C-alpha cells in the first residue's frame, strides 16, 4: 500500500466530515492542531488543540439545529505538505439557506492535519452567521 499523501489524508477527513462522522473526522487532526480563523467572531484568531477545533466546528453545525450542511468541493490544490480546498457550504437557517464560499488550507505533518487556515470569500457574511449563534 503506497504511503498516504497530504491529499489522501485531507480527502479522508472531508469524506468523514461530509458523512457527519465527526468522531472519525476528528481522528485526522493532530492532538495539537491549530485552526487559524479569520473575522471578529468569538472564534477568530488561533484555536489550538483538537478540543478547540471541534468546539468551533460544532458551534458552526449547531447553527443549523440538526439539519445537514451541504459541502460542495469546488477544487483541490495539493503540494508536498499542504492541501487547499475550495468549498461551498450551504447552511440551512430556518426558512433560508446561507452559502459560504471559502478556501481551507491544511498543513499535514506526521500523517495528521497539523494546521488549518480558513479564508472566507465574504467575511462579513460569516461574522453575521456566527452572531446568530
Protein backbone atom coordinates (compact mmCIF):
# COMPACT_ATOMS: atom_id res chain seq x y z
CA UNK A 1 0.00 0.00 0.00
CA UNK A 2 1.54 3.35 -1.01
CA UNK A 3 2.11 5.93 1.74
CA UNK A 4 -0.65 8.45 2.30
CA UNK A 5 -0.19 11.79 0.64
CA UNK A 6 -1.46 15.09 2.06
CA UNK A 7 -4.26 14.89 -0.49
CA UNK A 8 -5.45 11.42 0.55
CA UNK A 9 -5.40 12.47 4.22
CA UNK A 10 -7.48 15.60 3.57
CA UNK A 11 -9.86 13.73 1.27
CA UNK A 12 -10.36 11.11 4.00
CA UNK A 13 -11.12 13.87 6.50
CA UNK A 14 -13.54 15.53 4.07
CA UNK A 15 -15.31 12.22 3.41
CA UNK A 16 -15.89 11.65 7.13
CA UNK A 17 -16.98 15.27 7.67
CA UNK A 18 -19.45 15.11 4.77
CA UNK A 19 -20.95 11.91 6.15
CA UNK A 20 -21.36 13.51 9.59
CA UNK A 21 -18.96 11.05 11.28
CA UNK A 22 -17.16 13.66 13.38
CA UNK A 23 -15.57 11.07 15.67
CA UNK A 24 -13.65 9.62 12.73
CA UNK A 25 -13.15 13.03 11.09
CA UNK A 26 -11.53 14.43 14.25
CA UNK A 27 -9.14 11.48 14.22
CA UNK A 28 -7.44 13.14 11.24
CA UNK A 29 -6.41 16.09 13.47
CA UNK A 30 -3.12 16.14 15.33
CA UNK A 31 -3.63 16.48 19.09
CA UNK A 32 -2.11 19.97 18.90
CA UNK A 33 -3.84 21.05 15.64
CA UNK A 34 -4.04 24.81 15.10
CA UNK A 35 -7.05 26.40 13.39
CA UNK A 36 -6.49 29.96 12.14
CA UNK A 37 -9.92 31.54 11.90
CA UNK A 38 -10.46 34.99 10.39
CA UNK A 39 -13.03 37.57 11.33
CA UNK A 40 -14.48 39.03 14.50
CA UNK A 41 -16.49 36.15 15.94
CA UNK A 42 -15.59 34.66 19.31
CA UNK A 43 -13.61 32.03 17.39
CA UNK A 44 -11.41 34.47 15.46
CA UNK A 45 -7.69 34.00 15.89
CA UNK A 46 -5.85 30.79 16.68
CA UNK A 47 -7.74 27.86 18.13
CA UNK A 48 -5.26 25.33 19.46
CA UNK A 49 -5.85 21.65 20.09
CA UNK A 50 -8.35 19.08 18.90
CA UNK A 51 -10.96 20.11 21.51
CA UNK A 52 -10.87 23.78 20.42
CA UNK A 53 -11.11 22.79 16.75
CA UNK A 54 -14.12 20.60 17.45
CA UNK A 55 -15.79 23.34 19.52
CA UNK A 56 -15.51 25.68 16.51
CA UNK A 57 -16.90 23.03 14.14
CA UNK A 58 -19.73 22.06 16.50
CA UNK A 59 -20.71 25.72 17.00
CA UNK A 60 -21.00 26.16 13.24
CA UNK A 61 -23.02 22.96 12.91
CA UNK A 62 -25.30 23.97 15.80
CA UNK A 63 -26.48 26.97 13.77
CA UNK A 64 -28.47 24.57 11.58
CA UNK A 65 -30.33 22.99 14.53
CA UNK A 66 -29.52 19.47 13.40
CA UNK A 67 -30.07 19.96 9.68
CA UNK A 68 -27.43 18.89 7.18
CA UNK A 69 -24.77 21.36 5.97
CA UNK A 70 -24.17 20.65 2.29
CA UNK A 71 -20.49 20.83 1.38
CA UNK A 72 -19.54 21.12 -2.28
CA UNK A 73 -15.91 20.59 -3.18
CA UNK A 74 -15.06 23.04 -5.97
CA UNK A 75 -11.34 22.40 -6.40
CA UNK A 76 -8.27 20.90 -4.73
CA UNK A 77 -4.72 22.21 -4.85
CA UNK A 78 -2.12 19.80 -3.49
CA UNK A 79 1.53 20.25 -2.60
CA UNK A 80 4.08 18.15 -0.76
CA UNK A 81 2.77 19.09 2.70
CA UNK A 82 -0.24 21.35 2.09
CA UNK A 83 -3.66 20.94 0.53
CA UNK A 84 -6.08 23.75 -0.30
CA UNK A 85 -9.77 23.01 -0.69
CA UNK A 86 -12.07 25.49 -2.37
CA UNK A 87 -15.51 24.73 -0.99
CA UNK A 88 -19.05 25.99 -0.85
CA UNK A 89 -21.03 25.24 2.31
CA UNK A 90 -24.79 25.74 2.49
CA UNK A 91 -26.17 26.29 5.98
CA UNK A 92 -29.95 25.84 6.35
CA UNK A 93 -31.10 28.54 8.79
CA UNK A 94 -34.82 28.49 9.43
CA UNK A 95 -36.58 29.26 6.18
CA UNK A 96 -33.45 30.43 4.37
CA UNK A 97 -30.11 28.99 3.32
CA UNK A 98 -26.77 30.78 3.64
CA UNK A 99 -24.00 29.88 1.22
CA UNK A 100 -20.45 30.30 2.49
CA UNK A 101 -17.61 30.06 -0.01
CA UNK A 102 -14.14 29.57 1.41
CA UNK A 103 -10.67 28.22 0.93
CA UNK A 104 -9.28 25.99 3.65
CA UNK A 105 -5.56 25.30 3.62
CA UNK A 106 -4.39 22.22 5.52
CA UNK A 107 -0.79 21.51 6.55
CA UNK A 108 -0.06 17.84 7.08
CA UNK A 109 2.64 16.63 9.47
CA UNK A 110 3.27 13.03 10.54
CA UNK A 111 0.15 11.83 8.73
CA UNK A 112 -2.22 14.22 10.55
CA UNK A 113 -3.77 17.62 9.92
CA UNK A 114 -1.49 19.91 11.92
CA UNK A 115 -2.76 23.34 10.83
CA UNK A 116 -5.82 24.76 9.11
CA UNK A 117 -6.02 28.27 7.65
CA UNK A 118 -9.51 29.46 6.72
CA UNK A 119 -10.02 32.18 4.10
CA UNK A 120 -13.59 33.39 3.67
CA UNK A 121 -14.91 34.82 0.40
CA UNK A 122 -17.32 37.06 2.35
CA UNK A 123 -16.05 37.59 5.88
CA UNK A 124 -18.93 39.93 6.78
CA UNK A 125 -21.45 37.21 6.00
CA UNK A 126 -19.59 34.63 8.10
CA UNK A 127 -19.30 37.04 11.05
CA UNK A 128 -23.04 37.73 10.79
CA UNK A 129 -23.73 33.98 10.71
CA UNK A 130 -21.83 33.43 13.98
CA UNK A 131 -23.57 36.42 15.60
CA UNK A 132 -26.82 34.47 15.32
CA UNK A 133 -25.36 31.67 17.46
